[in-house]
Amino acid sequence: MTLDQLRYLVALAEEGSFTKAAERVYLTQPALSIQIRRLEEELGVRLFDRREGKPTEAGRAVVAQARRVLEEVERLKALAQGEEGCFQGPFRVGVIPTLAPYLLPH
């Protein structure tokens, strides 16, 4: 799972169409579809109804969590840039266990 895949997932949920979401994230529709399918395979759950372009129940939960992860990534970038790349004091990152191995280095 990558941050890009999470961005694609959120874009698809917001646009409601593979074509519109692909345009928004500067991918072709087939490339976006492949990335979403890979994410679904990795998570072992169907995230979107392909006919309607709407998230499934599980998809809605994953999209909500993906939004939170992406917001935290932006906060992390802002923090790093605000301190000119130097962190001071304790630094804690919270990530759900299923995402941690993919988002945090060993």
N, C-alpha and C. Protein backbone atom coordinates (compact mmCIF):
# COMPACT_ATOMS: atom_id res chain seq x y z
N MET A 1 0.85 -1.16 0.00
CA MET A 1 0.00 0.00 0.00
C MET A 1 0.90 1.23 0.00
N THR A 2 0.56 2.18 -0.85
CA THR A 2 1.36 3.40 -0.94
C THR A 2 0.49 4.62 -0.67
N LEU A 3 1.15 5.73 -0.38
CA LEU A 3 0.41 6.97 -0.20
C LEU A 3 -0.30 7.36 -1.50
N ASP A 4 0.34 7.09 -2.63
CA ASP A 4 -0.32 7.39 -3.90
C ASP A 4 -1.61 6.60 -4.04
N GLN A 5 -1.58 5.33 -3.68
CA GLN A 5 -2.81 4.52 -3.76
C GLN A 5 -3.89 5.10 -2.86
N LEU A 6 -3.51 5.58 -1.69
CA LEU A 6 -4.50 6.20 -0.80
C LEU A 6 -5.05 7.48 -1.42
N ARG A 7 -4.20 8.25 -2.08
CA ARG A 7 -4.67 9.47 -2.76
C ARG A 7 -5.64 9.11 -3.90
N TYR A 8 -5.32 8.06 -4.63
CA TYR A 8 -6.19 7.63 -5.72
C TYR A 8 -7.54 7.17 -5.17
N LEU A 9 -7.50 6.46 -4.07
CA LEU A 9 -8.71 5.97 -3.43
C LEU A 9 -9.62 7.12 -3.02
N VAL A 10 -9.05 8.13 -2.39
CA VAL A 10 -9.82 9.29 -1.95
C VAL A 10 -10.37 10.05 -3.16
N ALA A 11 -9.56 10.22 -4.18
CA ALA A 11 -10.01 10.91 -5.39
C ALA A 11 -11.19 10.18 -6.02
N LEU A 12 -11.12 8.87 -6.08
CA LEU A 12 -12.21 8.09 -6.66
C LEU A 12 -13.47 8.24 -5.83
N ALA A 13 -13.34 8.21 -4.53
CA ALA A 13 -14.51 8.37 -3.66
C ALA A 13 -15.14 9.75 -3.84
N GLU A 14 -14.31 10.77 -3.99
CA GLU A 14 -14.82 12.13 -4.13
C GLU A 14 -15.40 12.40 -5.51
N GLU A 15 -14.80 11.84 -6.53
CA GLU A 15 -15.26 12.09 -7.90
C GLU A 15 -16.43 11.18 -8.29
N GLY A 16 -16.47 9.97 -7.74
CA GLY A 16 -17.56 9.05 -8.06
C GLY A 16 -17.46 8.43 -9.44
N SER A 17 -16.32 8.57 -10.07
CA SER A 17 -16.13 8.05 -11.42
C SER A 17 -14.65 7.76 -11.63
N PHE A 18 -14.35 6.61 -12.21
CA PHE A 18 -12.96 6.27 -12.48
C PHE A 18 -12.35 7.26 -13.47
N THR A 19 -13.12 7.67 -14.47
CA THR A 19 -12.61 8.59 -15.48
C THR A 19 -12.27 9.94 -14.87
N LYS A 20 -13.19 10.51 -14.08
CA LYS A 20 -12.94 11.82 -13.46
C LYS A 20 -11.81 11.75 -12.44
N ALA A 21 -11.79 10.68 -11.66
CA ALA A 21 -10.72 10.53 -10.67
C ALA A 21 -9.36 10.39 -11.35
N ALA A 22 -9.31 9.64 -12.45
CA ALA A 22 -8.06 9.47 -13.18
C ALA A 22 -7.55 10.81 -13.70
N GLU A 23 -8.45 11.63 -14.23
CA GLU A 23 -8.05 12.96 -14.70
C GLU A 23 -7.50 13.79 -13.55
N ARG A 24 -8.16 13.72 -12.43
CA ARG A 24 -7.76 14.51 -11.26
C ARG A 24 -6.36 14.15 -10.76
N VAL A 25 -6.02 12.87 -10.81
CA VAL A 25 -4.71 12.44 -10.29
C VAL A 25 -3.69 12.22 -11.41
N TYR A 26 -4.04 12.65 -12.62
CA TYR A 26 -3.14 12.61 -13.78
C TYR A 26 -2.70 11.19 -14.14
N LEU A 27 -3.66 10.27 -14.14
CA LEU A 27 -3.43 8.91 -14.60
C LEU A 27 -4.41 8.59 -15.71
N THR A 28 -4.13 7.54 -16.44
CA THR A 28 -5.14 7.03 -17.36
C THR A 28 -6.15 6.24 -16.53
N GLN A 29 -7.34 6.06 -17.07
CA GLN A 29 -8.37 5.31 -16.35
C GLN A 29 -7.93 3.87 -16.08
N PRO A 30 -7.33 3.18 -17.05
CA PRO A 30 -6.87 1.82 -16.76
C PRO A 30 -5.80 1.76 -15.66
N ALA A 31 -4.89 2.74 -15.64
CA ALA A 31 -3.85 2.76 -14.61
C ALA A 31 -4.47 2.96 -13.22
N LEU A 32 -5.46 3.84 -13.13
CA LEU A 32 -6.14 4.05 -11.85
C LEU A 32 -6.86 2.78 -11.42
N SER A 33 -7.54 2.16 -12.35
CA SER A 33 -8.26 0.93 -12.05
C SER A 33 -7.32 -0.15 -11.53
N ILE A 34 -6.15 -0.26 -12.13
CA ILE A 34 -5.16 -1.25 -11.70
C ILE A 34 -4.70 -0.95 -10.27
N GLN A 35 -4.44 0.31 -9.98
CA GLN A 35 -3.98 0.68 -8.64
C GLN A 35 -5.04 0.39 -7.57
N ILE A 36 -6.29 0.68 -7.90
CA ILE A 36 -7.38 0.40 -6.95
C ILE A 36 -7.53 -1.11 -6.77
N ARG A 37 -7.44 -1.85 -7.86
CA ARG A 37 -7.55 -3.31 -7.77
C ARG A 37 -6.41 -3.89 -6.93
N ARG A 38 -5.19 -3.37 -7.09
CA ARG A 38 -4.06 -3.85 -6.29
C ARG A 38 -4.29 -3.57 -4.80
N LEU A 39 -4.83 -2.40 -4.52
CA LEU A 39 -5.12 -2.05 -3.13
C LEU A 39 -6.19 -2.99 -2.56
N GLU A 40 -7.21 -3.26 -3.35
CA GLU A 40 -8.26 -4.19 -2.92
C GLU A 40 -7.68 -5.58 -2.67
N GLU A 41 -6.80 -6.02 -3.54
CA GLU A 41 -6.18 -7.34 -3.37
C GLU A 41 -5.32 -7.38 -2.12
N GLU A 42 -4.59 -6.32 -1.88
CA GLU A 42 -3.73 -6.27 -0.70
C GLU A 42 -4.56 -6.29 0.59
N LEU A 43 -5.67 -5.56 0.58
CA LEU A 43 -6.51 -5.49 1.77
C LEU A 43 -7.46 -6.68 1.86
N GLY A 44 -7.66 -7.37 0.75
CA GLY A 44 -8.54 -8.54 0.75
C GLY A 44 -10.01 -8.19 0.83
N VAL A 45 -10.37 -7.03 0.32
CA VAL A 45 -11.77 -6.59 0.36
C VAL A 45 -12.06 -5.71 -0.85
N ARG A 46 -13.28 -5.81 -1.34
CA ARG A 46 -13.71 -4.97 -2.46
C ARG A 46 -14.03 -3.58 -1.91
N LEU A 47 -13.44 -2.55 -2.47
CA LEU A 47 -13.62 -1.20 -1.98
C LEU A 47 -14.64 -0.39 -2.77
N PHE A 48 -14.79 -0.74 -4.05
CA PHE A 48 -15.69 0.02 -4.92
C PHE A 48 -16.56 -0.89 -5.75
N ASP A 49 -17.79 -0.46 -5.95
CA ASP A 49 -18.70 -1.11 -6.89
C ASP A 49 -18.32 -0.55 -8.26
N ARG A 50 -17.82 -1.39 -9.13
CA ARG A 50 -17.31 -0.93 -10.42
C ARG A 50 -18.40 -0.33 -11.31
N ARG A 51 -19.59 -0.83 -11.22
CA ARG A 51 -20.67 -0.31 -12.09
C ARG A 51 -21.08 1.10 -11.70
N GLU A 52 -21.22 1.33 -10.40
CA GLU A 52 -21.70 2.62 -9.93
C GLU A 52 -20.57 3.59 -9.57
N GLY A 53 -19.37 3.05 -9.38
CA GLY A 53 -18.25 3.90 -8.98
C GLY A 53 -18.36 4.38 -7.55
N LYS A 54 -19.20 3.72 -6.76
CA LYS A 54 -19.40 4.12 -5.37
C LYS A 54 -18.67 3.15 -4.44
N PRO A 55 -18.19 3.67 -3.31
CA PRO A 55 -17.51 2.78 -2.37
C PRO A 55 -18.48 1.80 -1.71
N THR A 56 -17.99 0.62 -1.42
CA THR A 56 -18.76 -0.36 -0.66
C THR A 56 -18.74 0.10 0.80
N GLU A 57 -19.41 -0.64 1.65
CA GLU A 57 -19.40 -0.30 3.08
C GLU A 57 -17.96 -0.32 3.62
N ALA A 58 -17.23 -1.37 3.29
CA ALA A 58 -15.83 -1.45 3.70
C ALA A 58 -15.03 -0.32 3.06
N GLY A 59 -15.34 -0.01 1.81
CA GLY A 59 -14.65 1.06 1.10
C GLY A 59 -14.82 2.40 1.78
N ARG A 60 -16.03 2.68 2.28
CA ARG A 60 -16.27 3.95 2.97
C ARG A 60 -15.39 4.06 4.22
N ALA A 61 -15.27 2.97 4.95
CA ALA A 61 -14.42 2.98 6.15
C ALA A 61 -12.95 3.18 5.79
N VAL A 62 -12.51 2.50 4.74
CA VAL A 62 -11.10 2.62 4.32
C VAL A 62 -10.83 4.03 3.78
N VAL A 63 -11.77 4.59 3.03
CA VAL A 63 -11.61 5.96 2.51
C VAL A 63 -11.50 6.95 3.67
N ALA A 64 -12.34 6.80 4.67
CA ALA A 64 -12.29 7.71 5.83
C ALA A 64 -10.93 7.63 6.51
N GLN A 65 -10.42 6.43 6.69
CA GLN A 65 -9.10 6.26 7.32
C GLN A 65 -8.00 6.79 6.41
N ALA A 66 -8.13 6.58 5.11
CA ALA A 66 -7.13 7.09 4.16
C ALA A 66 -7.06 8.61 4.22
N ARG A 67 -8.21 9.26 4.35
CA ARG A 67 -8.22 10.73 4.47
C ARG A 67 -7.44 11.17 5.71
N ARG A 68 -7.67 10.47 6.82
CA ARG A 68 -6.95 10.82 8.05
C ARG A 68 -5.44 10.62 7.89
N VAL A 69 -5.05 9.53 7.26
CA VAL A 69 -3.63 9.27 7.03
C VAL A 69 -3.02 10.37 6.17
N LEU A 70 -3.71 10.75 5.10
CA LEU A 70 -3.19 11.79 4.21
C LEU A 70 -3.12 13.15 4.90
N GLU A 71 -4.10 13.44 5.77
CA GLU A 71 -4.05 14.68 6.54
C GLU A 71 -2.84 14.69 7.47
N GLU A 72 -2.57 13.56 8.10
CA GLU A 72 -1.41 13.46 9.00
C GLU A 72 -0.10 13.61 8.22
N VAL A 73 -0.06 13.07 7.03
CA VAL A 73 1.14 13.22 6.20
C VAL A 73 1.37 14.70 5.89
N GLU A 74 0.30 15.43 5.57
CA GLU A 74 0.43 16.86 5.29
C GLU A 74 0.88 17.61 6.54
N ARG A 75 0.35 17.25 7.70
CA ARG A 75 0.79 17.88 8.95
C ARG A 75 2.27 17.61 9.20
N LEU A 76 2.69 16.40 8.91
CA LEU A 76 4.09 16.03 9.07
C LEU A 76 4.98 16.87 8.16
N LYS A 77 4.56 17.05 6.92
CA LYS A 77 5.33 17.88 5.98
C LYS A 77 5.40 19.32 6.48
N ALA A 78 4.27 19.86 6.94
CA ALA A 78 4.23 21.23 7.43
C ALA A 78 5.12 21.40 8.66
N LEU A 79 5.10 20.42 9.54
CA LEU A 79 5.94 20.46 10.73
C LEU A 79 7.41 20.47 10.34
N ALA A 80 7.78 19.61 9.44
CA ALA A 80 9.18 19.51 9.01
C ALA A 80 9.62 20.80 8.32
N GLN A 81 8.78 21.35 7.48
CA GLN A 81 9.14 22.57 6.76
C GLN A 81 9.16 23.77 7.69
N GLY A 82 8.26 23.78 8.67
CA GLY A 82 8.21 24.89 9.63
C GLY A 82 9.44 24.92 10.52
N GLU A 83 10.03 23.80 10.77
CA GLU A 83 11.23 23.70 11.60
C GLU A 83 12.48 23.56 10.75
N GLU A 84 12.36 23.85 9.47
CA GLU A 84 13.47 23.74 8.53
C GLU A 84 14.11 22.36 8.57
N GLY A 85 13.26 21.36 8.69
CA GLY A 85 13.74 19.99 8.63
C GLY A 85 14.29 19.44 9.94
N CYS A 86 14.29 20.23 11.01
CA CYS A 86 14.83 19.75 12.29
C CYS A 86 13.69 19.55 13.28
N PHE A 87 13.57 18.35 13.77
CA PHE A 87 12.56 18.05 14.78
C PHE A 87 13.17 18.27 16.16
N GLN A 88 12.38 18.85 17.06
CA GLN A 88 12.83 19.05 18.42
C GLN A 88 11.79 18.45 19.35
N GLY A 89 12.25 17.77 20.38
CA GLY A 89 11.34 17.17 21.34
C GLY A 89 10.80 15.85 20.85
N PRO A 90 9.87 15.29 21.61
CA PRO A 90 9.32 13.98 21.23
C PRO A 90 8.50 14.06 19.94
N PHE A 91 8.57 12.99 19.19
CA PHE A 91 7.82 12.92 17.93
C PHE A 91 7.12 11.57 17.89
N ARG A 92 5.81 11.60 17.85
CA ARG A 92 5.03 10.37 17.84
C ARG A 92 4.15 10.33 16.60
N VAL A 93 4.08 9.16 16.01
CA VAL A 93 3.24 8.96 14.84
C VAL A 93 2.28 7.84 15.17
N GLY A 94 1.00 8.08 14.95
CA GLY A 94 0.00 7.04 15.17
C GLY A 94 -0.52 6.53 13.84
N VAL A 95 -0.43 5.24 13.65
CA VAL A 95 -0.91 4.61 12.42
C VAL A 95 -1.57 3.29 12.81
N ILE A 96 -2.68 2.99 12.16
CA ILE A 96 -3.34 1.72 12.47
C ILE A 96 -2.41 0.57 12.09
N PRO A 97 -2.49 -0.53 12.82
CA PRO A 97 -1.55 -1.64 12.62
C PRO A 97 -1.49 -2.18 11.20
N THR A 98 -2.59 -2.15 10.48
CA THR A 98 -2.56 -2.70 9.12
C THR A 98 -1.80 -1.82 8.15
N LEU A 99 -1.69 -0.52 8.44
CA LEU A 99 -0.96 0.39 7.55
C LEU A 99 0.49 0.58 7.97
N ALA A 100 0.79 0.39 9.24
CA ALA A 100 2.12 0.70 9.76
C ALA A 100 3.26 0.05 8.99
N PRO A 101 3.20 -1.24 8.64
CA PRO A 101 4.34 -1.84 7.94
C PRO A 101 4.61 -1.22 6.57
N TYR A 102 3.62 -0.58 5.99
CA TYR A 102 3.77 -0.02 4.65
C TYR A 102 4.13 1.46 4.68
N LEU A 103 3.76 2.15 5.75
CA LEU A 103 3.97 3.58 5.79
C LEU A 103 5.19 4.00 6.61
N LEU A 104 5.60 3.16 7.56
CA LEU A 104 6.71 3.52 8.42
C LEU A 104 7.91 2.63 8.14
N PRO A 105 9.10 3.22 8.07
CA PRO A 105 10.29 2.40 7.81
C PRO A 105 10.61 1.51 9.00
N HIS A 106 11.37 0.47 8.75
CA HIS A 106 11.77 -0.46 9.82
C HIS A 106 12.89 0.12 10.63
